[in-house]
Amino acid sequence: MRTLALLVAVALTGAEASAWSLAAHHEVTQKAIDALPGALKTFYKKHRLEMPTLAPDARNPEHSQDRRFAIDRVVPFPFRSLPKTEADFQTRFGEDGKKLGRLPWMIRESYDKLVAAYKTGEKDTILKESDALASLLADLHNPMALTDNADGQKTDQPGLWVRFTERLPGRASNLGLDADAAHLIDDPTAQVFAVVTGSYVWIDNILYADDLARRYDPAYSGVYYEAFDERAGKILRERLGWAARNIASFWYTAWTAAGKPELR
């Protein structure tokens, strides 16, 4: 079992280990558009099929270890006094800090690119950068992307990454997400780290739900996923709903920071 866990963990280091299923990314992005105000919503609805995630030939975003943040490898929850810049983070944690992933800072970089895109008014660039930011923010709302036990390999639950992040949302024809209206974010960096804490808190619940469901069905067939959804499905939908709201809010905040340009 230990060997199997190691093999799965190694496999997940590749680009194909996406943080959510394509169906989940699609529904989250759609729901984010619905949460936007006025003219911004009109722009995205008009051009939604030009966004990579919503295009007819959409493919799951490529995923790498950088798109994670296994913060519990170096500091315990609730991560008090965590450095908010990458330079300060690496100064404090050294080489260990470089192995956790760059997800918070990738989001900040993507946000800045979107602000710049809004200022240019170039539709294709705005849509591309909006989609990239949405994908990264969705990843941040996946609790398993924030732990060194991402695949359950440390708790004898190998394969949990795929079961929770891809197969569980993929089994639902409609996730039925709820997302409140977009709001202006005062401090995007602080918001990113607030999401880290708000997502991480659900990890133990997911591990427990998986363990119980596996007792019902060790073969991980339909019975397992019914039991897993009963306990972890609410967490999944809650996290994806918050992802949609935060995506819309980051778009709205970036557009405001760019001076609220007219979009066509």
Protein backbone atom coordinates (compact mmCIF):
# COMPACT_ATOMS: atom_id res chain seq x y z
CA MET A 1 0.00 0.00 0.00
CA ARG A 2 2.87 2.37 0.82
CA THR A 3 4.37 1.73 -2.64
CA LEU A 4 1.03 2.40 -4.33
CA ALA A 5 0.66 5.68 -2.47
CA LEU A 6 4.12 6.75 -3.56
CA LEU A 7 3.41 5.90 -7.18
CA VAL A 8 0.18 7.89 -7.18
CA ALA A 9 1.87 10.86 -5.54
CA VAL A 10 4.60 10.83 -8.16
CA ALA A 11 2.05 10.60 -10.95
CA LEU A 12 0.30 13.66 -9.63
CA THR A 13 3.40 15.80 -10.16
CA GLY A 14 2.69 15.86 -13.89
CA ALA A 15 0.77 18.50 -15.83
CA GLU A 16 -2.26 16.24 -16.23
CA ALA A 17 -3.19 16.33 -12.51
CA SER A 18 -5.77 19.08 -12.74
CA ALA A 19 -7.15 20.72 -9.59
CA TRP A 20 -10.77 20.30 -10.72
CA SER A 21 -12.59 18.48 -13.49
CA LEU A 22 -13.31 20.39 -16.69
CA ALA A 23 -17.02 20.34 -15.83
CA ALA A 24 -16.28 22.02 -12.50
CA HIS A 25 -14.10 24.71 -14.10
CA HIS A 26 -16.82 25.30 -16.69
CA GLU A 27 -19.62 25.71 -14.15
CA VAL A 28 -17.54 27.88 -11.81
CA THR A 29 -16.61 30.26 -14.65
CA GLN A 30 -20.22 30.47 -15.83
CA LYS A 31 -21.41 31.19 -12.30
CA ALA A 32 -18.70 33.86 -11.88
CA ILE A 33 -20.01 35.66 -14.96
CA ASP A 34 -23.53 35.57 -13.53
CA ALA A 35 -22.22 37.19 -10.32
CA LEU A 36 -20.80 40.24 -12.12
CA PRO A 37 -22.49 43.66 -12.15
CA GLY A 38 -23.96 45.50 -15.13
CA ALA A 39 -21.73 46.22 -18.09
CA LEU A 40 -19.06 43.79 -16.94
CA LYS A 41 -21.54 40.92 -16.97
CA THR A 42 -22.77 41.99 -20.40
CA PHE A 43 -19.21 41.90 -21.78
CA TYR A 44 -18.42 38.44 -20.45
CA LYS A 45 -21.76 36.95 -21.45
CA LYS A 46 -21.32 38.28 -24.96
CA HIS A 47 -17.84 36.76 -25.32
CA ARG A 48 -18.02 33.79 -22.94
CA LEU A 49 -17.49 31.19 -25.67
CA GLU A 50 -14.21 32.90 -26.54
CA MET A 51 -12.82 32.12 -23.09
CA PRO A 52 -10.63 28.98 -23.09
CA THR A 53 -12.58 27.28 -20.31
CA LEU A 54 -15.97 27.88 -21.95
CA ALA A 55 -14.98 27.39 -25.59
CA PRO A 56 -16.61 24.47 -27.46
CA ASP A 57 -13.18 22.77 -27.67
CA ALA A 58 -12.27 23.49 -24.04
CA ARG A 59 -9.65 21.37 -22.35
CA ASN A 60 -8.73 21.17 -18.70
CA PRO A 61 -6.08 23.75 -17.72
CA GLU A 62 -2.59 22.31 -17.51
CA HIS A 63 -1.63 21.75 -13.92
CA SER A 64 1.79 21.68 -12.32
CA GLN A 65 3.18 21.53 -8.81
CA ASP A 66 3.51 25.33 -8.91
CA ARG A 67 -0.29 25.50 -8.90
CA ARG A 68 -0.41 24.19 -5.36
CA PHE A 69 0.56 25.52 -1.95
CA ALA A 70 1.34 22.68 0.48
CA ILE A 71 1.67 25.13 3.33
CA ASP A 72 1.28 22.57 6.13
CA ARG A 73 4.67 21.16 5.19
CA VAL A 74 6.38 24.13 6.89
CA VAL A 75 3.85 25.67 9.29
CA PRO A 76 0.73 24.35 11.08
CA PHE A 77 -2.80 25.63 10.66
CA PRO A 78 -4.02 28.40 11.13
CA PHE A 79 -0.85 29.80 9.50
CA ARG A 80 -0.55 32.92 11.64
CA SER A 81 1.94 35.64 10.62
CA LEU A 82 2.53 34.03 7.24
CA PRO A 83 4.72 36.16 4.92
CA LYS A 84 2.57 37.58 2.13
CA THR A 85 5.27 38.20 -0.47
CA GLU A 86 7.17 35.44 -2.21
CA ALA A 87 10.53 37.02 -1.36
CA ASP A 88 9.70 37.22 2.36
CA PHE A 89 8.28 33.70 2.28
CA GLN A 90 11.45 32.24 0.77
CA THR A 91 13.61 34.21 3.19
CA ARG A 92 11.76 32.66 6.11
CA PHE A 93 11.44 29.09 4.84
CA GLY A 94 14.41 28.78 2.49
CA GLU A 95 14.62 25.75 0.19
CA ASP A 96 11.64 24.08 1.90
CA GLY A 97 9.49 27.06 0.96
CA LYS A 98 10.34 26.65 -2.71
CA LYS A 99 8.91 23.12 -2.79
CA LEU A 100 5.38 24.00 -1.66
CA GLY A 101 4.10 25.53 -4.91
CA ARG A 102 3.56 29.15 -5.98
CA LEU A 103 -0.21 29.34 -6.19
CA PRO A 104 -0.76 32.53 -4.09
CA TRP A 105 1.87 34.43 -6.05
CA MET A 106 0.73 33.07 -9.40
CA ILE A 107 -2.69 34.51 -8.58
CA ARG A 108 -1.21 37.92 -7.77
CA GLU A 109 0.80 37.88 -11.01
CA SER A 110 -2.29 36.86 -12.97
CA TYR A 111 -4.37 39.61 -11.32
CA ASP A 112 -1.78 42.24 -12.31
CA LYS A 113 -1.81 40.93 -15.89
CA LEU A 114 -5.60 41.27 -15.98
CA VAL A 115 -5.43 44.88 -14.73
CA ALA A 116 -2.95 45.62 -17.53
CA ALA A 117 -5.18 43.87 -20.06
CA TYR A 118 -8.21 45.94 -19.03
CA LYS A 119 -6.15 49.09 -19.54
CA THR A 120 -5.27 48.09 -23.11
CA GLY A 121 -8.91 47.31 -23.94
CA GLU A 122 -7.82 44.34 -26.07
CA LYS A 123 -10.73 41.91 -25.91
CA ASP A 124 -8.79 38.72 -26.60
CA THR A 125 -6.16 39.53 -23.98
CA ILE A 126 -8.81 40.42 -21.40
CA LEU A 127 -10.62 37.13 -21.96
CA LYS A 128 -7.41 35.10 -21.88
CA GLU A 129 -6.17 36.70 -18.67
CA SER A 130 -9.61 36.54 -17.06
CA ASP A 131 -9.77 32.82 -17.77
CA ALA A 132 -6.25 32.25 -16.44
CA LEU A 133 -7.04 34.08 -13.20
CA ALA A 134 -10.31 32.19 -12.82
CA SER A 135 -8.55 28.85 -13.18
CA LEU A 136 -5.93 29.71 -10.56
CA LEU A 137 -8.51 31.02 -8.10
CA ALA A 138 -10.57 27.86 -8.55
CA ASP A 139 -7.47 25.83 -7.68
CA LEU A 140 -7.01 27.87 -4.49
CA HIS A 141 -10.47 26.82 -3.32
CA ASN A 142 -9.52 23.14 -3.52
CA PRO A 143 -8.53 22.13 0.03
CA MET A 144 -6.39 19.26 -1.24
CA ALA A 145 -4.21 21.68 -3.22
CA LEU A 146 -3.08 23.22 0.07
CA THR A 147 -1.69 20.21 1.88
CA ASP A 148 1.32 17.93 1.72
CA ASN A 149 -1.22 15.10 1.93
CA ALA A 150 -2.83 16.09 -1.39
CA ASP A 151 -3.39 12.52 -2.56
CA GLY A 152 -4.09 11.03 0.84
CA GLN A 153 -0.71 9.31 0.65
CA LYS A 154 0.10 10.17 4.27
CA THR A 155 -3.13 8.74 5.67
CA ASP A 156 -3.27 5.52 3.62
CA GLN A 157 -5.87 7.02 1.25
CA PRO A 158 -4.02 7.00 -2.10
CA GLY A 159 -5.96 8.33 -5.07
CA LEU A 160 -7.95 10.83 -3.00
CA TRP A 161 -6.86 13.72 -5.24
CA VAL A 162 -8.57 12.26 -8.30
CA ARG A 163 -11.59 11.03 -6.35
CA PHE A 164 -12.38 14.40 -4.76
CA THR A 165 -11.20 16.92 -7.35
CA GLU A 166 -12.11 15.20 -10.59
CA ARG A 167 -14.42 12.22 -10.24
CA LEU A 168 -16.77 13.55 -7.56
CA PRO A 169 -17.62 16.81 -9.40
CA GLY A 170 -17.52 14.97 -12.73
CA ARG A 171 -20.31 12.61 -11.65
CA ALA A 172 -22.77 15.51 -11.24
CA SER A 173 -24.60 16.71 -14.35
CA ASN A 174 -25.22 20.01 -12.58
CA LEU A 175 -23.36 21.04 -9.44
CA GLY A 176 -26.04 23.59 -8.54
CA LEU A 177 -23.58 26.19 -7.33
CA ASP A 178 -24.61 29.32 -5.44
CA ALA A 179 -22.50 32.46 -5.75
CA ASP A 180 -23.22 35.83 -4.17
CA ALA A 181 -22.74 39.02 -6.17
CA ALA A 182 -19.22 40.25 -6.86
CA HIS A 183 -17.79 42.83 -4.48
CA LEU A 184 -14.78 45.13 -4.49
CA ILE A 185 -11.76 43.57 -2.77
CA ASP A 186 -9.78 46.00 -0.63
CA ASP A 187 -6.57 43.96 -0.60
CA PRO A 188 -6.26 41.18 -3.22
CA THR A 189 -3.19 39.63 -1.57
CA ALA A 190 -4.86 39.48 1.85
CA GLN A 191 -7.93 37.95 0.21
CA VAL A 192 -5.81 35.21 -1.35
CA PHE A 193 -4.43 34.18 2.02
CA ALA A 194 -7.87 34.38 3.60
CA VAL A 195 -9.02 31.84 1.01
CA VAL A 196 -6.06 29.60 1.88
CA THR A 197 -7.25 29.45 5.49
CA GLY A 198 -10.92 29.11 4.52
CA SER A 199 -10.18 26.22 2.17
CA TYR A 200 -7.66 24.37 4.31
CA VAL A 201 -10.04 24.04 7.24
CA TRP A 202 -12.06 21.42 5.30
CA ILE A 203 -9.23 18.92 4.74
CA ASP A 204 -9.91 16.73 7.78
CA ASN A 205 -13.60 16.54 6.84
CA ILE A 206 -12.71 15.34 3.34
CA LEU A 207 -10.28 12.74 4.67
CA TYR A 208 -12.93 11.48 7.10
CA ALA A 209 -15.62 11.35 4.41
CA ASP A 210 -13.34 9.39 2.11
CA ASP A 211 -12.42 6.93 4.85
CA LEU A 212 -16.06 6.24 5.72
CA ALA A 213 -17.10 5.90 2.08
CA ARG A 214 -14.24 3.45 1.46
CA ARG A 215 -15.52 1.25 4.28
CA TYR A 216 -18.83 0.94 2.42
CA ASP A 217 -17.16 0.24 -0.91
CA PRO A 218 -13.40 -0.52 -0.97
CA ALA A 219 -13.59 -0.89 -4.77
CA TYR A 220 -14.49 2.80 -5.18
CA SER A 221 -17.52 2.09 -7.37
CA GLY A 222 -20.94 3.75 -7.31
CA VAL A 223 -21.67 2.98 -3.66
CA TYR A 224 -18.44 4.69 -2.62
CA TYR A 225 -19.26 7.87 -4.54
CA GLU A 226 -22.80 7.99 -3.20
CA ALA A 227 -21.47 7.79 0.35
CA PHE A 228 -18.63 10.23 -0.41
CA ASP A 229 -21.02 12.74 -1.94
CA GLU A 230 -23.31 12.50 1.08
CA ARG A 231 -20.52 13.78 3.34
CA ALA A 232 -18.11 15.65 1.05
CA GLY A 233 -20.49 16.86 -1.65
CA LYS A 234 -21.61 19.85 0.39
CA ILE A 235 -17.98 20.85 0.94
CA LEU A 236 -17.28 20.50 -2.77
CA ARG A 237 -20.22 22.71 -3.77
CA GLU A 238 -19.49 25.26 -1.06
CA ARG A 239 -15.87 25.60 -2.16
CA LEU A 240 -16.78 25.89 -5.84
CA GLY A 241 -19.53 28.42 -5.07
CA TRP A 242 -17.05 30.56 -3.14
CA ALA A 243 -14.59 30.18 -6.01
CA ALA A 244 -17.16 31.63 -8.42
CA ARG A 245 -17.86 34.58 -6.13
CA ASN A 246 -14.17 35.31 -5.62
CA ILE A 247 -13.42 35.01 -9.33
CA ALA A 248 -16.13 37.55 -10.11
CA SER A 249 -14.85 39.81 -7.33
CA PHE A 250 -11.25 39.65 -8.55
CA TRP A 251 -12.39 40.46 -12.11
CA TYR A 252 -14.49 43.36 -10.82
CA THR A 253 -11.64 44.63 -8.64
CA ALA A 254 -9.12 44.42 -11.50
CA TRP A 255 -11.51 46.28 -13.82
CA THR A 256 -11.98 48.97 -11.17
CA ALA A 257 -8.21 49.24 -10.62
CA ALA A 258 -7.83 49.76 -14.37
CA GLY A 259 -10.19 52.73 -14.24
CA LYS A 260 -13.43 50.95 -15.25
CA PRO A 261 -12.74 51.12 -18.99
CA GLU A 262 -15.57 50.61 -21.45
CA LEU A 263 -15.52 47.06 -22.75
CA ARG A 264 -16.90 45.94 -26.11
